[in-house]
Amino acid sequence: MSAVDQAWQLVQSLGAIDSERLFRAVTDEETLSDPSVRTQLLVRDALRGLRSFWGEPTFTRRVSQMRENRRILAAIDTHQDEEGFLTLGRRIMEVTDPNVLHKLFRELSRRVDQPCIVTIGGSLALMLNDYISRVTDDVDIVDELPAAIRTQYSLLEDLARRYNLRLAHFQSHYLPQRWERRTWSLGVYDQLTVRVIDSLDVLAGKLFSSRKKDMDDLVASWSKLDVAAFRERLARDTDNFRSDAKSLEAAKHNWYVLTGEQELP
């Protein structure tokens, strides 16, 4: 994907925009040279948003280190009378990098003295598949941490401080039926095996939730998921959710917002 395409993809996606990825995309020579006025407006408003988010000193220092620093500074002041991307600036943030999980689990594995398996769900499962990009503090583990891990309180505190991620847990009844058949492997770290919940299973659980952040994740993921496969998953594996009246009501509301359809698949 070209730098221009990356810049547009970041801006056109819903939800948070990673400041680092945006900065790399809009300061690339290819993007700065794009003749399209719309791309020039995108670059202008992205740079203004980054300057506001990082603060003037940090932004100026980072730009000064770029080969194209003069063109970058000039781009900020282009097309002064034209309206561009009014909401872009407030969507910029420092998002969680899911790749830091490998470091966390490698360090954790050095203190695991017996075979253990953990399975990740929640927002990080979506981030690992590039469905969403946002901040999270939790690594949500299905059901509970193995005893060999959860009793190491000092180590868990150190990991949370070092990586800004806290190992937490949630109950598997928040997942659709047969979810355990569809997990995939993140990796094996010494005696620690880490698996990840399938993204459609995570999103199915979020559909039956009334939490605002779950709806945010559904909306942000919608353009990237296989809607036909999601329909099939909902029709086949969500009987456990539908037995609860409040969950069913939440799912029907969320599904209508997403698709305009009154009834669930």
C-alpha atoms as a PDB file:
ATOM      1  CA  MET A   1       0.000   0.000   0.000  1.00  0.00           C
ATOM      2  CA  SER A   2       1.339   3.411  -0.946  1.00  0.00           C
ATOM      3  CA  ALA A   3       1.883   6.117   1.653  1.00  0.00           C
ATOM      4  CA  VAL A   4      -1.000   8.108   0.145  1.00  0.00           C
ATOM      5  CA  ASP A   5      -3.311   5.109   0.434  1.00  0.00           C
ATOM      6  CA  GLN A   6      -2.191   4.553   4.019  1.00  0.00           C
ATOM      7  CA  ALA A   7      -2.976   8.171   4.903  1.00  0.00           C
ATOM      8  CA  TRP A   8      -6.450   7.929   3.387  1.00  0.00           C
ATOM      9  CA  GLN A   9      -7.130   4.588   5.018  1.00  0.00           C
ATOM     10  CA  LEU A  10      -6.289   5.988   8.454  1.00  0.00           C
ATOM     11  CA  VAL A  11      -8.495   9.040   7.992  1.00  0.00           C
ATOM     12  CA  GLN A  12     -11.429   7.214   6.407  1.00  0.00           C
ATOM     13  CA  SER A  13     -11.520   4.514   9.079  1.00  0.00           C
ATOM     14  CA  LEU A  14     -13.781   5.206  12.018  1.00  0.00           C
ATOM     15  CA  GLY A  15     -12.477   5.644  15.531  1.00  0.00           C
ATOM     16  CA  ALA A  16      -9.044   6.572  16.833  1.00  0.00           C
ATOM     17  CA  ILE A  17      -6.107   7.397  14.573  1.00  0.00           C
ATOM     18  CA  ASP A  18      -2.629   6.326  15.637  1.00  0.00           C
ATOM     19  CA  SER A  19      -0.479   9.458  15.789  1.00  0.00           C
ATOM     20  CA  GLU A  20       2.712   7.644  14.775  1.00  0.00           C
ATOM     21  CA  ARG A  21       1.198   5.912  11.746  1.00  0.00           C
ATOM     22  CA  LEU A  22      -0.471   9.127  10.631  1.00  0.00           C
ATOM     23  CA  PHE A  23       2.754  11.124  10.957  1.00  0.00           C
ATOM     24  CA  ARG A  24       4.695   8.601   8.871  1.00  0.00           C
ATOM     25  CA  ALA A  25       2.012   8.518   6.183  1.00  0.00           C
ATOM     26  CA  VAL A  26       1.522  12.269   5.722  1.00  0.00           C
ATOM     27  CA  THR A  27       5.221  13.194   5.885  1.00  0.00           C
ATOM     28  CA  ASP A  28       6.202  10.655   3.249  1.00  0.00           C
ATOM     29  CA  GLU A  29       7.578  12.264   0.072  1.00  0.00           C
ATOM     30  CA  GLU A  30       4.949  10.504  -2.022  1.00  0.00           C
ATOM     31  CA  THR A  31       2.086  11.958   0.027  1.00  0.00           C
ATOM     32  CA  LEU A  32       3.591  15.437   0.124  1.00  0.00           C
ATOM     33  CA  SER A  33       3.932  15.323  -3.681  1.00  0.00           C
ATOM     34  CA  ASP A  34       0.381  14.167  -4.370  1.00  0.00           C
ATOM     35  CA  PRO A  35      -1.291  16.756  -6.639  1.00  0.00           C
ATOM     36  CA  SER A  36      -4.830  16.127  -5.386  1.00  0.00           C
ATOM     37  CA  VAL A  37      -6.242  19.075  -3.466  1.00  0.00           C
ATOM     38  CA  ARG A  38      -8.127  16.695  -1.175  1.00  0.00           C
ATOM     39  CA  THR A  39      -4.883  14.931  -0.260  1.00  0.00           C
ATOM     40  CA  GLN A  40      -3.216  18.283   0.350  1.00  0.00           C
ATOM     41  CA  LEU A  41      -6.065  19.233   2.692  1.00  0.00           C
ATOM     42  CA  LEU A  42      -5.712  15.870   4.436  1.00  0.00           C
ATOM     43  CA  VAL A  43      -1.991  16.474   4.949  1.00  0.00           C
ATOM     44  CA  ARG A  44      -2.631  20.001   6.184  1.00  0.00           C
ATOM     45  CA  ASP A  45      -5.242  19.017   8.751  1.00  0.00           C
ATOM     46  CA  ALA A  46      -3.337  15.907   9.858  1.00  0.00           C
ATOM     47  CA  LEU A  47      -0.219  17.985  10.528  1.00  0.00           C
ATOM     48  CA  ARG A  48      -2.227  20.621  12.382  1.00  0.00           C
ATOM     49  CA  GLY A  49      -3.854  17.903  14.459  1.00  0.00           C
ATOM     50  CA  LEU A  50      -0.510  16.304  15.262  1.00  0.00           C
ATOM     51  CA  ARG A  51       0.964  19.674  16.242  1.00  0.00           C
ATOM     52  CA  SER A  52      -1.921  20.244  18.640  1.00  0.00           C
ATOM     53  CA  PHE A  53      -1.767  16.699  20.028  1.00  0.00           C
ATOM     54  CA  TRP A  54       2.002  16.561  20.610  1.00  0.00           C
ATOM     55  CA  GLY A  55       2.486  20.224  21.414  1.00  0.00           C
ATOM     56  CA  GLU A  56       4.512  22.754  19.441  1.00  0.00           C
ATOM     57  CA  PRO A  57       7.997  21.891  20.826  1.00  0.00           C
ATOM     58  CA  THR A  58       7.703  18.140  20.190  1.00  0.00           C
ATOM     59  CA  PHE A  59       6.103  18.612  16.790  1.00  0.00           C
ATOM     60  CA  THR A  60       8.744  21.130  15.674  1.00  0.00           C
ATOM     61  CA  ARG A  61      11.574  18.894  16.875  1.00  0.00           C
ATOM     62  CA  ARG A  62      10.235  15.880  15.030  1.00  0.00           C
ATOM     63  CA  VAL A  63       9.639  17.797  11.800  1.00  0.00           C
ATOM     64  CA  SER A  64      13.108  19.352  11.933  1.00  0.00           C
ATOM     65  CA  GLN A  65      14.581  15.842  11.791  1.00  0.00           C
ATOM     66  CA  MET A  66      12.745  15.014   8.559  1.00  0.00           C
ATOM     67  CA  ARG A  67      14.402  15.346   5.154  1.00  0.00           C
ATOM     68  CA  GLU A  68      11.258  17.018   3.820  1.00  0.00           C
ATOM     69  CA  ASN A  69      10.961  19.430   6.765  1.00  0.00           C
ATOM     70  CA  ARG A  70      10.495  22.557   4.617  1.00  0.00           C
ATOM     71  CA  ARG A  71       7.746  20.971   2.557  1.00  0.00           C
ATOM     72  CA  ILE A  72       6.057  19.687   5.710  1.00  0.00           C
ATOM     73  CA  LEU A  73       5.981  23.140   7.283  1.00  0.00           C
ATOM     74  CA  ALA A  74       4.731  24.655   4.024  1.00  0.00           C
ATOM     75  CA  ALA A  75       1.939  22.069   3.837  1.00  0.00           C
ATOM     76  CA  ILE A  76       0.513  23.276   7.162  1.00  0.00           C
ATOM     77  CA  ASP A  77      -0.323  26.680   5.675  1.00  0.00           C
ATOM     78  CA  THR A  78      -1.685  25.559   2.309  1.00  0.00           C
ATOM     79  CA  HIS A  79      -5.267  26.214   1.087  1.00  0.00           C
ATOM     80  CA  GLN A  80      -6.087  28.561   3.960  1.00  0.00           C
ATOM     81  CA  ASP A  81      -9.608  29.325   2.724  1.00  0.00           C
ATOM     82  CA  GLU A  82     -10.709  25.759   2.055  1.00  0.00           C
ATOM     83  CA  GLU A  83     -12.497  23.507   4.506  1.00  0.00           C
ATOM     84  CA  GLY A  84     -10.925  20.122   5.051  1.00  0.00           C
ATOM     85  CA  PHE A  85     -11.263  17.463   7.747  1.00  0.00           C
ATOM     86  CA  LEU A  86     -12.834  19.110  10.754  1.00  0.00           C
ATOM     87  CA  THR A  87     -12.977  16.085  13.070  1.00  0.00           C
ATOM     88  CA  LEU A  88      -9.565  14.634  12.245  1.00  0.00           C
ATOM     89  CA  GLY A  89      -7.637  16.374  15.019  1.00  0.00           C
ATOM     90  CA  ARG A  90      -9.739  15.089  17.893  1.00  0.00           C
ATOM     91  CA  ARG A  91      -9.390  11.475  16.687  1.00  0.00           C
ATOM     92  CA  ILE A  92      -5.577  11.479  16.943  1.00  0.00           C
ATOM     93  CA  MET A  93      -4.145   9.638  19.936  1.00  0.00           C
ATOM     94  CA  GLU A  94      -1.380   7.351  21.121  1.00  0.00           C
ATOM     95  CA  VAL A  95      -2.972   3.968  20.522  1.00  0.00           C
ATOM     96  CA  THR A  96      -1.978   0.647  22.027  1.00  0.00           C
ATOM     97  CA  ASP A  97       0.517  -1.252  19.886  1.00  0.00           C
ATOM     98  CA  PRO A  98      -0.620  -4.906  19.989  1.00  0.00           C
ATOM     99  CA  ASN A  99       2.889  -6.027  19.024  1.00  0.00           C
ATOM    100  CA  VAL A 100       4.071  -5.149  22.534  1.00  0.00           C
ATOM    101  CA  LEU A 101       2.257  -8.305  23.623  1.00  0.00           C
ATOM    102  CA  HIS A 102       5.147 -10.400  22.323  1.00  0.00           C
ATOM    103  CA  LYS A 103       7.536  -8.619  24.686  1.00  0.00           C
ATOM    104  CA  LEU A 104       5.138  -8.953  27.593  1.00  0.00           C
ATOM    105  CA  PHE A 105       4.613 -12.677  27.065  1.00  0.00           C
ATOM    106  CA  ARG A 106       8.306 -13.379  26.478  1.00  0.00           C
ATOM    107  CA  GLU A 107       9.108 -11.761  29.817  1.00  0.00           C
ATOM    108  CA  LEU A 108       6.218 -13.498  31.556  1.00  0.00           C
ATOM    109  CA  SER A 109       7.246 -16.873  30.144  1.00  0.00           C
ATOM    110  CA  ARG A 110      10.600 -16.698  31.951  1.00  0.00           C
ATOM    111  CA  ARG A 111       8.717 -17.029  35.222  1.00  0.00           C
ATOM    112  CA  VAL A 112       6.371 -19.831  34.148  1.00  0.00           C
ATOM    113  CA  ASP A 113       7.688 -23.201  35.316  1.00  0.00           C
ATOM    114  CA  GLN A 114       4.991 -25.451  33.855  1.00  0.00           C
ATOM    115  CA  PRO A 115       2.977 -25.617  30.610  1.00  0.00           C
ATOM    116  CA  CYS A 116       0.262 -22.941  30.552  1.00  0.00           C
ATOM    117  CA  ILE A 117      -2.252 -21.742  27.983  1.00  0.00           C
ATOM    118  CA  VAL A 118      -3.937 -18.321  27.965  1.00  0.00           C
ATOM    119  CA  THR A 119      -6.472 -17.114  25.411  1.00  0.00           C
ATOM    120  CA  ILE A 120      -6.879 -13.413  24.600  1.00  0.00           C
ATOM    121  CA  GLY A 121     -10.235 -11.826  23.817  1.00  0.00           C
ATOM    122  CA  GLY A 122     -11.612  -8.300  23.995  1.00  0.00           C
ATOM    123  CA  SER A 123     -10.342  -5.304  22.097  1.00  0.00           C
ATOM    124  CA  LEU A 124      -6.772  -6.601  21.800  1.00  0.00           C
ATOM    125  CA  ALA A 125      -8.030  -9.586  19.811  1.00  0.00           C
ATOM    126  CA  LEU A 126      -9.484  -7.080  17.331  1.00  0.00           C
ATOM    127  CA  MET A 127      -6.314  -4.973  17.320  1.00  0.00           C
ATOM    128  CA  LEU A 128      -4.186  -8.010  16.514  1.00  0.00           C
ATOM    129  CA  ASN A 129      -6.240  -8.484  13.348  1.00  0.00           C
ATOM    130  CA  ASP A 130      -6.128  -4.736  12.551  1.00  0.00           C
ATOM    131  CA  TYR A 131      -9.888  -4.358  12.951  1.00  0.00           C
ATOM    132  CA  ILE A 132      -9.610  -1.436  15.357  1.00  0.00           C
ATOM    133  CA  SER A 133      -7.003   0.970  16.657  1.00  0.00           C
ATOM    134  CA  ARG A 134      -7.421   2.557  20.091  1.00  0.00           C
ATOM    135  CA  VAL A 135      -6.084   2.658  23.623  1.00  0.00           C
ATOM    136  CA  THR A 136      -6.629  -0.223  26.010  1.00  0.00           C
ATOM    137  CA  ASP A 137      -5.121  -1.003  29.397  1.00  0.00           C
ATOM    138  CA  ASP A 138      -6.250  -4.616  29.606  1.00  0.00           C
ATOM    139  CA  VAL A 139      -5.182  -7.923  28.143  1.00  0.00           C
ATOM    140  CA  ASP A 140      -8.479  -9.771  28.546  1.00  0.00           C
ATOM    141  CA  ILE A 141      -7.897 -13.468  29.230  1.00  0.00           C
ATOM    142  CA  VAL A 142     -10.782 -15.933  28.911  1.00  0.00           C
ATOM    143  CA  ASP A 143     -12.096 -17.204  32.274  1.00  0.00           C
ATOM    144  CA  GLU A 144      -8.992 -16.789  34.475  1.00  0.00           C
ATOM    145  CA  LEU A 145      -5.236 -16.702  34.527  1.00  0.00           C
ATOM    146  CA  PRO A 146      -3.530 -20.040  35.246  1.00  0.00           C
ATOM    147  CA  ALA A 147      -2.515 -20.426  38.893  1.00  0.00           C
ATOM    148  CA  ALA A 148       1.177 -20.421  37.904  1.00  0.00           C
ATOM    149  CA  ILE A 149       0.681 -16.855  36.676  1.00  0.00           C
ATOM    150  CA  ARG A 150      -2.038 -15.236  38.788  1.00  0.00           C
ATOM    151  CA  THR A 151      -0.175 -15.786  42.071  1.00  0.00           C
ATOM    152  CA  GLN A 152       2.872 -13.833  40.869  1.00  0.00           C
ATOM    153  CA  TYR A 153       1.514 -10.497  42.056  1.00  0.00           C
ATOM    154  CA  SER A 154       4.766  -8.560  41.990  1.00  0.00           C
ATOM    155  CA  LEU A 155       5.605  -9.718  38.474  1.00  0.00           C
ATOM    156  CA  LEU A 156       2.144  -8.818  37.176  1.00  0.00           C
ATOM    157  CA  GLU A 157       2.479  -5.334  38.667  1.00  0.00           C
ATOM    158  CA  ASP A 158       5.883  -4.917  37.022  1.00  0.00           C
ATOM    159  CA  LEU A 159       4.517  -6.010  33.644  1.00  0.00           C
ATOM    160  CA  ALA A 160       1.550  -3.625  33.919  1.00  0.00           C
ATOM    161  CA  ARG A 161       3.869  -0.722  34.697  1.00  0.00           C
ATOM    162  CA  ARG A 162       6.412  -1.567  32.015  1.00  0.00           C
ATOM    163  CA  TYR A 163       4.028  -2.289  29.132  1.00  0.00           C
ATOM    164  CA  ASN A 164       0.951  -0.281  30.181  1.00  0.00           C
ATOM    165  CA  LEU A 165      -1.090  -3.465  29.911  1.00  0.00           C
ATOM    166  CA  ARG A 166      -2.726  -5.286  32.782  1.00  0.00           C
ATOM    167  CA  LEU A 167      -3.566  -8.984  32.590  1.00  0.00           C
ATOM    168  CA  ALA A 168      -7.280  -9.225  33.365  1.00  0.00           C
ATOM    169  CA  HIS A 169      -9.935 -11.850  32.736  1.00  0.00           C
ATOM    170  CA  PHE A 170     -13.547 -12.205  31.597  1.00  0.00           C
ATOM    171  CA  GLN A 171     -16.039 -15.058  31.631  1.00  0.00           C
ATOM    172  CA  SER A 172     -16.451 -17.228  28.550  1.00  0.00           C
ATOM    173  CA  HIS A 173     -20.245 -16.861  28.678  1.00  0.00           C
ATOM    174  CA  TYR A 174     -19.679 -13.471  27.005  1.00  0.00           C
ATOM    175  CA  LEU A 175     -18.561 -15.383  23.897  1.00  0.00           C
ATOM    176  CA  PRO A 176     -20.741 -17.203  21.355  1.00  0.00           C
ATOM    177  CA  GLN A 177     -21.107 -20.944  21.290  1.00  0.00           C
ATOM    178  CA  ARG A 178     -18.226 -23.043  19.961  1.00  0.00           C
ATOM    179  CA  TRP A 179     -15.774 -20.128  20.186  1.00  0.00           C
ATOM    180  CA  GLU A 180     -13.030 -22.447  21.464  1.00  0.00           C
ATOM    181  CA  ARG A 181     -12.937 -24.233  18.088  1.00  0.00           C
ATOM    182  CA  ARG A 182     -12.000 -21.045  16.254  1.00  0.00           C
ATOM    183  CA  THR A 183      -9.079 -19.590  18.239  1.00  0.00           C
ATOM    184  CA  TRP A 184      -5.714 -19.012  16.586  1.00  0.00           C
ATOM    185  CA  SER A 185      -2.157 -19.062  17.905  1.00  0.00           C
ATOM    186  CA  LEU A 186      -0.327 -15.853  18.721  1.00  0.00           C
ATOM    187  CA  GLY A 187       2.778 -17.817  19.666  1.00  0.00           C
ATOM    188  CA  VAL A 188       4.518 -20.207  22.013  1.00  0.00           C
ATOM    189  CA  TYR A 189       6.839 -18.572  24.539  1.00  0.00           C
ATOM    190  CA  ASP A 190       8.836 -21.274  26.327  1.00  0.00           C
ATOM    191  CA  GLN A 191       6.139 -23.103  28.321  1.00  0.00           C
ATOM    192  CA  LEU A 192       3.524 -20.405  27.771  1.00  0.00           C
ATOM    193  CA  THR A 193       1.122 -20.833  24.832  1.00  0.00           C
ATOM    194  CA  VAL A 194      -0.979 -17.828  23.828  1.00  0.00           C
ATOM    195  CA  ARG A 195      -4.097 -18.127  21.694  1.00  0.00           C
ATOM    196  CA  VAL A 196      -6.499 -15.457  20.414  1.00  0.00           C
ATOM    197  CA  ILE A 197     -10.288 -15.430  20.079  1.00  0.00           C
ATOM    198  CA  ASP A 198     -11.549 -15.187  16.502  1.00  0.00           C
ATOM    199  CA  SER A 199     -12.535 -11.588  15.716  1.00  0.00           C
ATOM    200  CA  LEU A 200     -16.083 -12.493  14.658  1.00  0.00           C
ATOM    201  CA  ASP A 201     -16.624 -14.169  18.020  1.00  0.00           C
ATOM    202  CA  VAL A 202     -15.393 -11.055  19.826  1.00  0.00           C
ATOM    203  CA  LEU A 203     -17.689  -8.861  17.746  1.00  0.00           C
ATOM    204  CA  ALA A 204     -20.657 -11.179  18.264  1.00  0.00           C
ATOM    205  CA  GLY A 205     -20.247 -10.727  22.007  1.00  0.00           C
ATOM    206  CA  LYS A 206     -20.030  -6.966  21.571  1.00  0.00           C
ATOM    207  CA  LEU A 207     -23.192  -6.908  19.466  1.00  0.00           C
ATOM    208  CA  PHE A 208     -25.176  -8.263  22.433  1.00  0.00           C
ATOM    209  CA  SER A 209     -23.752  -5.589  24.742  1.00  0.00           C
ATOM    210  CA  SER A 210     -25.226  -2.206  25.679  1.00  0.00           C
ATOM    211  CA  ARG A 211     -21.817  -0.683  26.501  1.00  0.00           C
ATOM    212  CA  LYS A 212     -20.925   2.339  24.395  1.00  0.00           C
ATOM    213  CA  LYS A 213     -17.329   1.240  23.854  1.00  0.00           C
ATOM    214  CA  ASP A 214     -18.519  -2.092  22.439  1.00  0.00           C
ATOM    215  CA  MET A 215     -20.677  -0.260  19.907  1.00  0.00           C
ATOM    216  CA  ASP A 216     -17.673   1.957  19.099  1.00  0.00           C
ATOM    217  CA  ASP A 217     -15.638  -1.174  18.315  1.00  0.00           C
ATOM    218  CA  LEU A 218     -18.426  -2.594  16.135  1.00  0.00           C
ATOM    219  CA  VAL A 219     -18.691   0.608  14.105  1.00  0.00           C
ATOM    220  CA  ALA A 220     -14.915   0.889  13.731  1.00  0.00           C
ATOM    221  CA  SER A 221     -14.635  -2.759  12.636  1.00  0.00           C
ATOM    222  CA  TRP A 222     -17.587  -2.838  10.271  1.00  0.00           C
ATOM    223  CA  SER A 223     -15.811  -1.895   7.045  1.00  0.00           C
ATOM    224  CA  LYS A 224     -13.151  -4.570   7.605  1.00  0.00           C
ATOM    225  CA  LEU A 225     -15.190  -7.607   8.539  1.00  0.00           C
ATOM    226  CA  ASP A 226     -16.805 -10.203   6.310  1.00  0.00           C
ATOM    227  CA  VAL A 227     -20.451  -9.283   6.888  1.00  0.00           C
ATOM    228  CA  ALA A 228     -21.775 -12.493   5.317  1.00  0.00           C
ATOM    229  CA  ALA A 229     -19.608 -14.589   7.637  1.00  0.00           C
ATOM    230  CA  PHE A 230     -20.676 -12.448  10.597  1.00  0.00           C
ATOM    231  CA  ARG A 231     -24.351 -13.027   9.736  1.00  0.00           C
ATOM    232  CA  GLU A 232     -23.729 -16.758   9.665  1.00  0.00           C
ATOM    233  CA  ARG A 233     -21.931 -16.664  13.011  1.00  0.00           C
ATOM    234  CA  LEU A 234     -24.813 -14.746  14.588  1.00  0.00           C
ATOM    235  CA  ALA A 235     -27.440 -17.093  13.188  1.00  0.00           C
ATOM    236  CA  ARG A 236     -25.605 -20.262  14.176  1.00  0.00           C
ATOM    237  CA  ASP A 237     -23.806 -19.585  17.456  1.00  0.00           C
ATOM    238  CA  THR A 238     -25.623 -16.961  19.545  1.00  0.00           C
ATOM    239  CA  ASP A 239     -28.512 -18.885  21.114  1.00  0.00           C
ATOM    240  CA  ASN A 240     -26.784 -18.502  24.462  1.00  0.00           C
ATOM    241  CA  PHE A 241     -27.046 -14.697  24.169  1.00  0.00           C
ATOM    242  CA  ARG A 242     -30.633 -14.588  22.901  1.00  0.00           C
ATOM    243  CA  SER A 243     -32.013 -16.235  26.030  1.00  0.00           C
ATOM    244  CA  ASP A 244     -31.337 -13.005  27.951  1.00  0.00           C
ATOM    245  CA  ALA A 245     -33.961 -10.349  27.160  1.00  0.00           C
ATOM    246  CA  LYS A 246     -31.676  -7.359  27.804  1.00  0.00           C
ATOM    247  CA  SER A 247     -28.865  -8.798  25.684  1.00  0.00           C
ATOM    248  CA  LEU A 248     -31.285  -9.550  22.861  1.00  0.00           C
ATOM    249  CA  GLU A 249     -32.713  -6.030  23.002  1.00  0.00           C
ATOM    250  CA  ALA A 250     -29.210  -4.549  22.885  1.00  0.00           C
ATOM    251  CA  ALA A 251     -28.265  -6.727  19.915  1.00  0.00           C
ATOM    252  CA  LYS A 252     -31.376  -5.757  17.942  1.00  0.00           C
ATOM    253  CA  HIS A 253     -30.697  -2.078  18.591  1.00  0.00           C
ATOM    254  CA  ASN A 254     -27.029  -2.371  17.573  1.00  0.00           C
ATOM    255  CA  TRP A 255     -27.854  -4.450  14.495  1.00  0.00           C
ATOM    256  CA  TYR A 256     -30.415  -1.892  13.325  1.00  0.00           C
ATOM    257  CA  VAL A 257     -27.873   0.917  13.698  1.00  0.00           C
ATOM    258  CA  LEU A 258     -25.262  -1.063  11.764  1.00  0.00           C
ATOM    259  CA  THR A 259     -27.478  -2.444   8.985  1.00  0.00           C
ATOM    260  CA  GLY A 260     -30.899  -0.810   9.058  1.00  0.00           C
ATOM    261  CA  GLU A 261     -32.479  -4.240   9.609  1.00  0.00           C
ATOM    262  CA  GLN A 262     -35.048  -4.716  12.379  1.00  0.00           C
ATOM    263  CA  GLU A 263     -34.377  -8.401  13.002  1.00  0.00           C
ATOM    264  CA  LEU A 264     -31.170 -10.293  13.744  1.00  0.00           C
ATOM    265  CA  PRO A 265     -29.965 -12.950  11.300  1.00  0.00           C
END
